[in-house]
């Protein structure tokens, strides 16, 4: 796929390394990927108190890239998780008549609201414990 007006995204990849002494270190690298097109996919809401209230999905159309399930995609400064496998239209997915290999399609998702719920619960529990200790 060629998107002359597409956006360049960042693929955040974290690699775990272990030293000779057994210490584990994590190295995070942001790799450029693009130009890509980003399209909406779905949005869900739930009233389940144990789940994120809003989950939004998008699809990214871009050139071939070696993605892993642990990679994260940065879109407009927000971190998105890869949601399942990507559809690869390169190599064996290329058009058998013309050889055209447009690229890959990657579904991503992001949960909203869980951070706000945790902050609200922790602030209400700390304020209730401080009010009960002052009585």
N, C-alpha and C. Protein backbone atom coordinates (compact mmCIF):
# COMPACT_ATOMS: atom_id res chain seq x y z
N UNK A 1 0.84 -1.17 0.00
CA UNK A 1 0.00 0.00 0.00
C UNK A 1 0.88 1.23 0.00
N UNK A 2 0.50 2.19 -0.75
CA UNK A 2 1.25 3.43 -0.80
C UNK A 2 0.33 4.56 -0.38
N UNK A 3 0.67 5.20 0.71
CA UNK A 3 -0.12 6.32 1.22
C UNK A 3 0.75 7.56 1.21
N UNK A 4 0.75 8.32 0.10
CA UNK A 4 1.63 9.48 0.02
C UNK A 4 1.33 10.53 1.10
N UNK A 5 0.13 10.55 1.64
CA UNK A 5 -0.22 11.50 2.69
C UNK A 5 -0.47 10.79 4.02
N UNK A 6 0.07 9.57 4.13
CA UNK A 6 -0.10 8.78 5.35
C UNK A 6 0.77 9.32 6.48
N UNK A 7 0.61 8.73 7.63
CA UNK A 7 1.36 9.15 8.83
C UNK A 7 2.44 8.12 9.14
N UNK A 8 3.52 8.61 9.71
CA UNK A 8 4.57 7.70 10.19
C UNK A 8 4.30 7.44 11.66
N UNK A 9 4.12 6.18 12.00
CA UNK A 9 3.83 5.77 13.38
C UNK A 9 5.11 5.26 14.03
N UNK A 10 5.06 5.07 15.33
CA UNK A 10 6.18 4.47 16.06
C UNK A 10 5.76 3.10 16.57
N UNK A 11 6.64 2.14 16.38
CA UNK A 11 6.45 0.80 16.94
C UNK A 11 7.37 0.72 18.15
N UNK A 12 6.78 0.58 19.33
CA UNK A 12 7.56 0.50 20.57
C UNK A 12 7.84 -0.98 20.85
N UNK A 13 9.12 -1.31 20.83
CA UNK A 13 9.53 -2.71 21.03
C UNK A 13 10.38 -2.78 22.29
N UNK A 14 10.03 -3.70 23.19
CA UNK A 14 10.78 -3.90 24.42
C UNK A 14 11.46 -5.26 24.35
N UNK A 15 12.78 -5.25 24.58
CA UNK A 15 13.57 -6.47 24.53
C UNK A 15 14.13 -6.74 25.91
N UNK A 16 14.00 -7.98 26.36
CA UNK A 16 14.52 -8.38 27.66
C UNK A 16 15.91 -8.98 27.48
N UNK A 17 16.86 -8.51 28.26
CA UNK A 17 18.21 -9.07 28.21
C UNK A 17 18.61 -9.48 29.62
N UNK A 18 19.48 -10.47 29.69
CA UNK A 18 19.95 -10.95 30.99
C UNK A 18 21.47 -10.88 31.02
N UNK A 19 22.01 -10.31 32.09
CA UNK A 19 23.46 -10.19 32.23
C UNK A 19 24.05 -11.52 32.68
N UNK A 20 25.39 -11.58 32.71
CA UNK A 20 26.08 -12.80 33.16
C UNK A 20 25.76 -13.11 34.62
N UNK A 21 25.38 -12.08 35.38
CA UNK A 21 25.06 -12.27 36.80
C UNK A 21 23.59 -12.62 37.02
N UNK A 22 22.82 -12.67 35.94
CA UNK A 22 21.42 -13.03 36.07
C UNK A 22 20.47 -11.86 36.22
N UNK A 23 21.00 -10.63 36.15
CA UNK A 23 20.15 -9.45 36.24
C UNK A 23 19.40 -9.27 34.93
N UNK A 24 18.11 -8.97 35.04
CA UNK A 24 17.28 -8.78 33.85
C UNK A 24 17.11 -7.28 33.61
N UNK A 25 17.30 -6.89 32.36
CA UNK A 25 17.12 -5.49 31.98
C UNK A 25 16.19 -5.43 30.78
N UNK A 26 15.44 -4.34 30.67
CA UNK A 26 14.52 -4.16 29.56
C UNK A 26 14.96 -2.94 28.76
N UNK A 27 15.10 -3.13 27.47
CA UNK A 27 15.50 -2.06 26.57
C UNK A 27 14.34 -1.76 25.64
N UNK A 28 13.87 -0.52 25.65
CA UNK A 28 12.73 -0.11 24.82
C UNK A 28 13.23 0.78 23.69
N UNK A 29 12.78 0.45 22.48
CA UNK A 29 13.17 1.20 21.29
C UNK A 29 11.92 1.57 20.51
N UNK A 30 11.87 2.80 20.02
CA UNK A 30 10.78 3.22 19.13
C UNK A 30 11.30 3.19 17.70
N UNK A 31 10.63 2.39 16.85
CA UNK A 31 11.02 2.24 15.45
C UNK A 31 10.00 2.93 14.56
N UNK A 32 10.42 3.71 13.57
CA UNK A 32 9.46 4.36 12.68
C UNK A 32 8.83 3.36 11.72
N UNK A 33 7.54 3.56 11.42
CA UNK A 33 6.81 2.69 10.49
C UNK A 33 5.86 3.55 9.68
N UNK A 34 5.99 3.49 8.37
CA UNK A 34 5.06 4.25 7.56
C UNK A 34 5.56 4.47 6.16
N UNK A 35 4.82 5.23 5.41
CA UNK A 35 3.58 5.92 5.77
C UNK A 35 2.41 4.94 5.89
N UNK A 36 1.56 5.19 6.87
CA UNK A 36 0.42 4.32 7.17
C UNK A 36 -0.88 5.10 7.12
N UNK A 37 -1.97 4.37 6.94
CA UNK A 37 -3.32 4.92 7.08
C UNK A 37 -3.93 4.31 8.33
N UNK A 38 -4.64 5.11 9.11
CA UNK A 38 -5.29 4.64 10.34
C UNK A 38 -6.79 4.85 10.19
N UNK A 39 -7.55 3.78 10.44
CA UNK A 39 -9.01 3.84 10.29
C UNK A 39 -9.69 3.32 11.55
N UNK A 40 -10.88 3.85 11.88
CA UNK A 40 -11.63 3.33 13.04
C UNK A 40 -12.11 1.92 12.77
N UNK A 41 -12.22 1.13 13.83
CA UNK A 41 -12.67 -0.26 13.70
C UNK A 41 -13.90 -0.53 14.56
N UNK A 42 -13.85 -0.24 15.84
CA UNK A 42 -14.99 -0.48 16.73
C UNK A 42 -14.81 0.29 18.03
N UNK A 43 -15.87 0.38 18.79
CA UNK A 43 -15.82 0.92 20.15
C UNK A 43 -16.84 0.16 20.97
N UNK A 44 -16.47 -0.22 22.19
CA UNK A 44 -17.39 -0.93 23.07
C UNK A 44 -17.39 -0.25 24.43
N UNK A 45 -18.51 -0.38 25.12
CA UNK A 45 -18.62 0.14 26.48
C UNK A 45 -19.18 -0.98 27.35
N UNK A 46 -18.77 -1.00 28.60
CA UNK A 46 -19.27 -2.01 29.52
C UNK A 46 -19.56 -1.37 30.87
N UNK A 47 -20.46 -1.99 31.62
CA UNK A 47 -20.74 -1.54 32.98
C UNK A 47 -20.09 -2.46 34.00
N UNK A 48 -19.32 -3.45 33.53
CA UNK A 48 -18.62 -4.37 34.41
C UNK A 48 -17.55 -3.59 35.19
N UNK A 49 -17.60 -3.60 36.52
CA UNK A 49 -16.64 -2.82 37.30
C UNK A 49 -15.22 -3.37 37.25
N UNK A 50 -15.05 -4.62 36.77
CA UNK A 50 -13.73 -5.23 36.71
C UNK A 50 -13.07 -5.08 35.34
N UNK A 51 -13.70 -4.37 34.42
CA UNK A 51 -13.16 -4.20 33.07
C UNK A 51 -13.08 -2.72 32.73
N UNK A 52 -12.25 -2.44 31.74
CA UNK A 52 -12.15 -1.05 31.27
C UNK A 52 -13.49 -0.63 30.69
N UNK A 53 -14.00 0.55 31.06
CA UNK A 53 -15.32 0.96 30.61
C UNK A 53 -15.44 1.15 29.10
N UNK A 54 -14.38 1.61 28.44
CA UNK A 54 -14.45 1.86 27.00
C UNK A 54 -13.22 1.25 26.33
N UNK A 55 -13.45 0.46 25.28
CA UNK A 55 -12.37 -0.10 24.48
C UNK A 55 -12.61 0.34 23.05
N UNK A 56 -11.59 0.94 22.45
CA UNK A 56 -11.69 1.44 21.08
C UNK A 56 -10.69 0.69 20.23
N UNK A 57 -11.11 0.32 19.03
CA UNK A 57 -10.22 -0.38 18.10
C UNK A 57 -10.01 0.41 16.83
N UNK A 58 -8.84 0.24 16.25
CA UNK A 58 -8.52 0.85 14.96
C UNK A 58 -7.80 -0.17 14.10
N UNK A 59 -7.73 0.11 12.80
CA UNK A 59 -6.94 -0.71 11.90
C UNK A 59 -5.88 0.18 11.27
N UNK A 60 -4.69 -0.39 11.16
CA UNK A 60 -3.59 0.32 10.54
C UNK A 60 -3.24 -0.39 9.25
N UNK A 61 -3.20 0.37 8.17
CA UNK A 61 -2.81 -0.14 6.86
C UNK A 61 -1.43 0.42 6.56
N UNK A 62 -0.45 -0.46 6.36
CA UNK A 62 0.90 0.05 6.16
C UNK A 62 1.79 -0.90 5.41
N UNK A 63 3.02 -0.47 5.15
CA UNK A 63 3.97 -1.33 4.45
C UNK A 63 4.39 -2.50 5.34
N UNK A 64 4.96 -3.50 4.72
CA UNK A 64 5.40 -4.69 5.46
C UNK A 64 6.31 -4.28 6.61
N UNK A 65 6.10 -4.91 7.77
CA UNK A 65 6.88 -4.61 8.97
C UNK A 65 6.85 -5.85 9.84
N UNK A 66 7.96 -6.19 10.45
CA UNK A 66 8.05 -7.37 11.30
C UNK A 66 7.55 -7.04 12.70
N UNK A 67 6.24 -7.20 12.93
CA UNK A 67 5.63 -6.90 14.22
C UNK A 67 5.55 -8.15 15.08
N UNK A 68 5.63 -7.96 16.40
CA UNK A 68 5.40 -9.05 17.34
C UNK A 68 4.18 -8.71 18.19
N UNK A 69 3.62 -9.70 18.85
CA UNK A 69 2.44 -9.47 19.69
C UNK A 69 2.75 -8.55 20.87
N UNK A 70 4.00 -8.48 21.28
CA UNK A 70 4.39 -7.66 22.42
C UNK A 70 4.65 -6.20 22.02
N UNK A 71 4.73 -5.91 20.72
CA UNK A 71 4.96 -4.54 20.28
C UNK A 71 3.75 -3.67 20.59
N UNK A 72 4.00 -2.40 20.78
CA UNK A 72 2.94 -1.41 20.96
C UNK A 72 3.08 -0.38 19.84
N UNK A 73 1.96 0.18 19.42
CA UNK A 73 1.95 1.17 18.35
C UNK A 73 1.61 2.53 18.96
N UNK A 74 2.37 3.54 18.62
CA UNK A 74 2.13 4.89 19.12
C UNK A 74 1.43 5.67 18.01
N UNK A 75 0.18 6.09 18.27
CA UNK A 75 -0.61 6.87 17.32
C UNK A 75 -0.95 8.19 18.01
N UNK A 76 -0.49 9.28 17.44
CA UNK A 76 -0.74 10.62 18.00
C UNK A 76 -0.39 10.70 19.48
N UNK A 77 0.71 10.07 19.86
CA UNK A 77 1.18 10.13 21.24
C UNK A 77 0.50 9.16 22.19
N UNK A 78 -0.48 8.39 21.71
CA UNK A 78 -1.18 7.41 22.55
C UNK A 78 -0.70 6.00 22.23
N UNK A 79 -0.60 5.18 23.26
CA UNK A 79 -0.12 3.81 23.10
C UNK A 79 -1.28 2.86 22.84
N UNK A 80 -1.16 2.08 21.77
CA UNK A 80 -2.18 1.10 21.37
C UNK A 80 -1.57 -0.29 21.37
N UNK A 81 -2.37 -1.28 21.76
CA UNK A 81 -1.93 -2.68 21.78
C UNK A 81 -2.36 -3.38 20.50
N UNK A 82 -1.52 -4.29 20.02
CA UNK A 82 -1.89 -5.09 18.86
C UNK A 82 -2.97 -6.06 19.29
N UNK A 83 -4.05 -6.12 18.52
CA UNK A 83 -5.24 -6.91 18.87
C UNK A 83 -5.37 -8.08 17.91
N UNK A 84 -4.62 -9.15 18.18
CA UNK A 84 -4.66 -10.32 17.30
C UNK A 84 -3.57 -10.24 16.25
N UNK A 85 -3.68 -11.09 15.26
CA UNK A 85 -2.67 -11.15 14.22
C UNK A 85 -2.91 -10.15 13.11
N UNK A 86 -1.85 -9.86 12.37
CA UNK A 86 -1.99 -8.93 11.24
C UNK A 86 -2.28 -9.73 9.97
N UNK A 87 -2.93 -9.09 9.03
CA UNK A 87 -3.18 -9.69 7.72
C UNK A 87 -2.03 -9.26 6.82
N UNK A 88 -1.28 -10.22 6.34
CA UNK A 88 -0.08 -9.95 5.54
C UNK A 88 -0.39 -10.15 4.06
N UNK A 89 -0.32 -9.07 3.30
CA UNK A 89 -0.58 -9.14 1.86
C UNK A 89 0.72 -9.00 1.08
N UNK A 90 1.83 -9.43 1.70
CA UNK A 90 3.12 -9.48 1.01
C UNK A 90 3.51 -10.95 0.87
N UNK A 91 4.51 -11.23 0.10
CA UNK A 91 4.95 -12.62 -0.06
C UNK A 91 3.85 -13.48 -0.64
N UNK A 92 3.41 -14.50 0.10
CA UNK A 92 2.36 -15.40 -0.38
C UNK A 92 0.99 -14.74 -0.42
N UNK A 93 0.83 -13.58 0.24
CA UNK A 93 -0.43 -12.86 0.21
C UNK A 93 -0.54 -11.89 -0.96
N UNK A 94 0.49 -11.85 -1.79
CA UNK A 94 0.49 -10.93 -2.94
C UNK A 94 -0.51 -11.40 -3.99
N UNK A 95 -0.93 -10.49 -4.84
CA UNK A 95 -1.85 -10.80 -5.92
C UNK A 95 -1.20 -11.82 -6.86
N UNK A 96 -1.83 -13.00 -7.08
CA UNK A 96 -1.20 -14.03 -7.91
C UNK A 96 -1.14 -13.67 -9.39
N UNK A 97 -1.91 -12.70 -9.84
CA UNK A 97 -1.92 -12.32 -11.25
C UNK A 97 -0.94 -11.20 -11.56
N UNK A 98 -0.81 -10.25 -10.65
CA UNK A 98 0.03 -9.09 -10.92
C UNK A 98 1.29 -9.03 -10.06
N UNK A 99 1.29 -9.79 -8.94
CA UNK A 99 2.42 -9.73 -8.02
C UNK A 99 2.36 -8.56 -7.06
N UNK A 100 1.28 -7.77 -7.15
CA UNK A 100 1.14 -6.61 -6.27
C UNK A 100 1.06 -7.06 -4.83
N UNK A 101 1.91 -6.51 -3.98
CA UNK A 101 1.95 -6.85 -2.55
C UNK A 101 1.71 -5.57 -1.75
N UNK A 102 0.45 -5.29 -1.41
CA UNK A 102 0.13 -3.99 -0.82
C UNK A 102 0.66 -3.73 0.58
N UNK A 103 0.93 -4.72 1.38
CA UNK A 103 1.42 -4.47 2.73
C UNK A 103 0.67 -5.28 3.76
N UNK A 104 0.49 -4.71 4.96
CA UNK A 104 -0.17 -5.43 6.05
C UNK A 104 -1.28 -4.57 6.65
N UNK A 105 -2.23 -5.27 7.29
CA UNK A 105 -3.31 -4.63 8.03
C UNK A 105 -3.20 -5.11 9.47
N UNK A 106 -3.10 -4.18 10.41
CA UNK A 106 -2.88 -4.53 11.81
C UNK A 106 -4.02 -3.97 12.66
N UNK A 107 -4.78 -4.84 13.36
CA UNK A 107 -5.80 -4.34 14.28
C UNK A 107 -5.15 -3.95 15.61
N UNK A 108 -5.55 -2.81 16.14
CA UNK A 108 -5.04 -2.35 17.44
C UNK A 108 -6.21 -1.94 18.32
N UNK A 109 -5.98 -1.90 19.64
CA UNK A 109 -7.03 -1.50 20.57
C UNK A 109 -6.42 -0.69 21.70
N UNK A 110 -7.29 0.07 22.35
CA UNK A 110 -6.89 0.88 23.50
C UNK A 110 -8.05 0.94 24.48
N UNK A 111 -7.75 0.73 25.75
CA UNK A 111 -8.78 0.79 26.80
C UNK A 111 -8.71 2.15 27.47
N UNK A 112 -9.88 2.74 27.70
CA UNK A 112 -9.98 4.04 28.36
C UNK A 112 -10.76 3.88 29.65
N UNK A 113 -10.39 4.63 30.65
CA UNK A 113 -11.21 4.71 31.84
C UNK A 113 -10.73 3.91 33.02
N UNK A 114 -9.93 2.89 32.82
CA UNK A 114 -9.52 2.06 33.95
C UNK A 114 -8.59 2.86 34.87
N UNK A 115 -7.72 3.72 34.33
CA UNK A 115 -6.84 4.53 35.16
C UNK A 115 -7.63 5.50 36.03
N UNK A 116 -8.66 6.11 35.44
CA UNK A 116 -9.47 7.04 36.20
C UNK A 116 -10.21 6.33 37.34
N UNK A 117 -10.70 5.10 37.08
CA UNK A 117 -11.41 4.34 38.10
C UNK A 117 -10.47 3.99 39.25
N UNK A 118 -9.24 3.56 38.95
CA UNK A 118 -8.28 3.20 39.99
C UNK A 118 -7.93 4.42 40.82
N UNK A 119 -7.70 5.58 40.17
CA UNK A 119 -7.38 6.80 40.90
C UNK A 119 -8.54 7.22 41.80
N UNK A 120 -9.77 7.10 41.30
CA UNK A 120 -10.94 7.49 42.09
C UNK A 120 -11.10 6.58 43.30
N UNK A 121 -10.91 5.27 43.10
CA UNK A 121 -11.05 4.33 44.21
C UNK A 121 -9.97 4.56 45.26
N UNK A 122 -8.74 4.81 44.82
CA UNK A 122 -7.66 5.00 45.78
C UNK A 122 -7.82 6.32 46.54
N UNK A 123 -8.30 7.37 45.87
CA UNK A 123 -8.49 8.64 46.58
C UNK A 123 -9.67 8.57 47.54
N UNK A 124 -10.73 7.83 47.18
CA UNK A 124 -11.87 7.72 48.09
C UNK A 124 -11.53 6.86 49.30
N UNK A 125 -10.72 5.83 49.11
CA UNK A 125 -10.34 4.99 50.25
C UNK A 125 -9.38 5.73 51.17
N UNK A 126 -8.50 6.56 50.61
CA UNK A 126 -7.57 7.30 51.47
C UNK A 126 -8.32 8.41 52.21
N UNK A 127 -9.31 9.03 51.58
CA UNK A 127 -10.04 10.10 52.26
C UNK A 127 -10.95 9.52 53.34
N UNK A 128 -11.50 8.32 53.11
CA UNK A 128 -12.38 7.72 54.12
C UNK A 128 -11.54 7.23 55.31
N UNK A 129 -10.31 6.74 55.05
CA UNK A 129 -9.50 6.29 56.16
C UNK A 129 -8.97 7.46 56.97
N UNK A 130 -8.69 8.59 56.30
CA UNK A 130 -8.23 9.77 57.03
C UNK A 130 -9.34 10.40 57.85
N UNK A 131 -10.60 10.34 57.32
CA UNK A 131 -11.72 10.90 58.09
C UNK A 131 -12.06 10.01 59.27
N UNK A 132 -11.89 8.70 59.13
CA UNK A 132 -12.21 7.82 60.24
C UNK A 132 -11.13 7.89 61.32
N UNK A 133 -9.88 8.18 60.92
CA UNK A 133 -8.82 8.27 61.92
C UNK A 133 -8.88 9.59 62.68
N UNK A 134 -9.50 10.62 62.08
CA UNK A 134 -9.58 11.91 62.78
C UNK A 134 -10.76 11.95 63.73
N UNK A 135 -11.68 11.00 63.70
CA UNK A 135 -12.84 11.01 64.59
C UNK A 135 -12.52 10.51 65.94
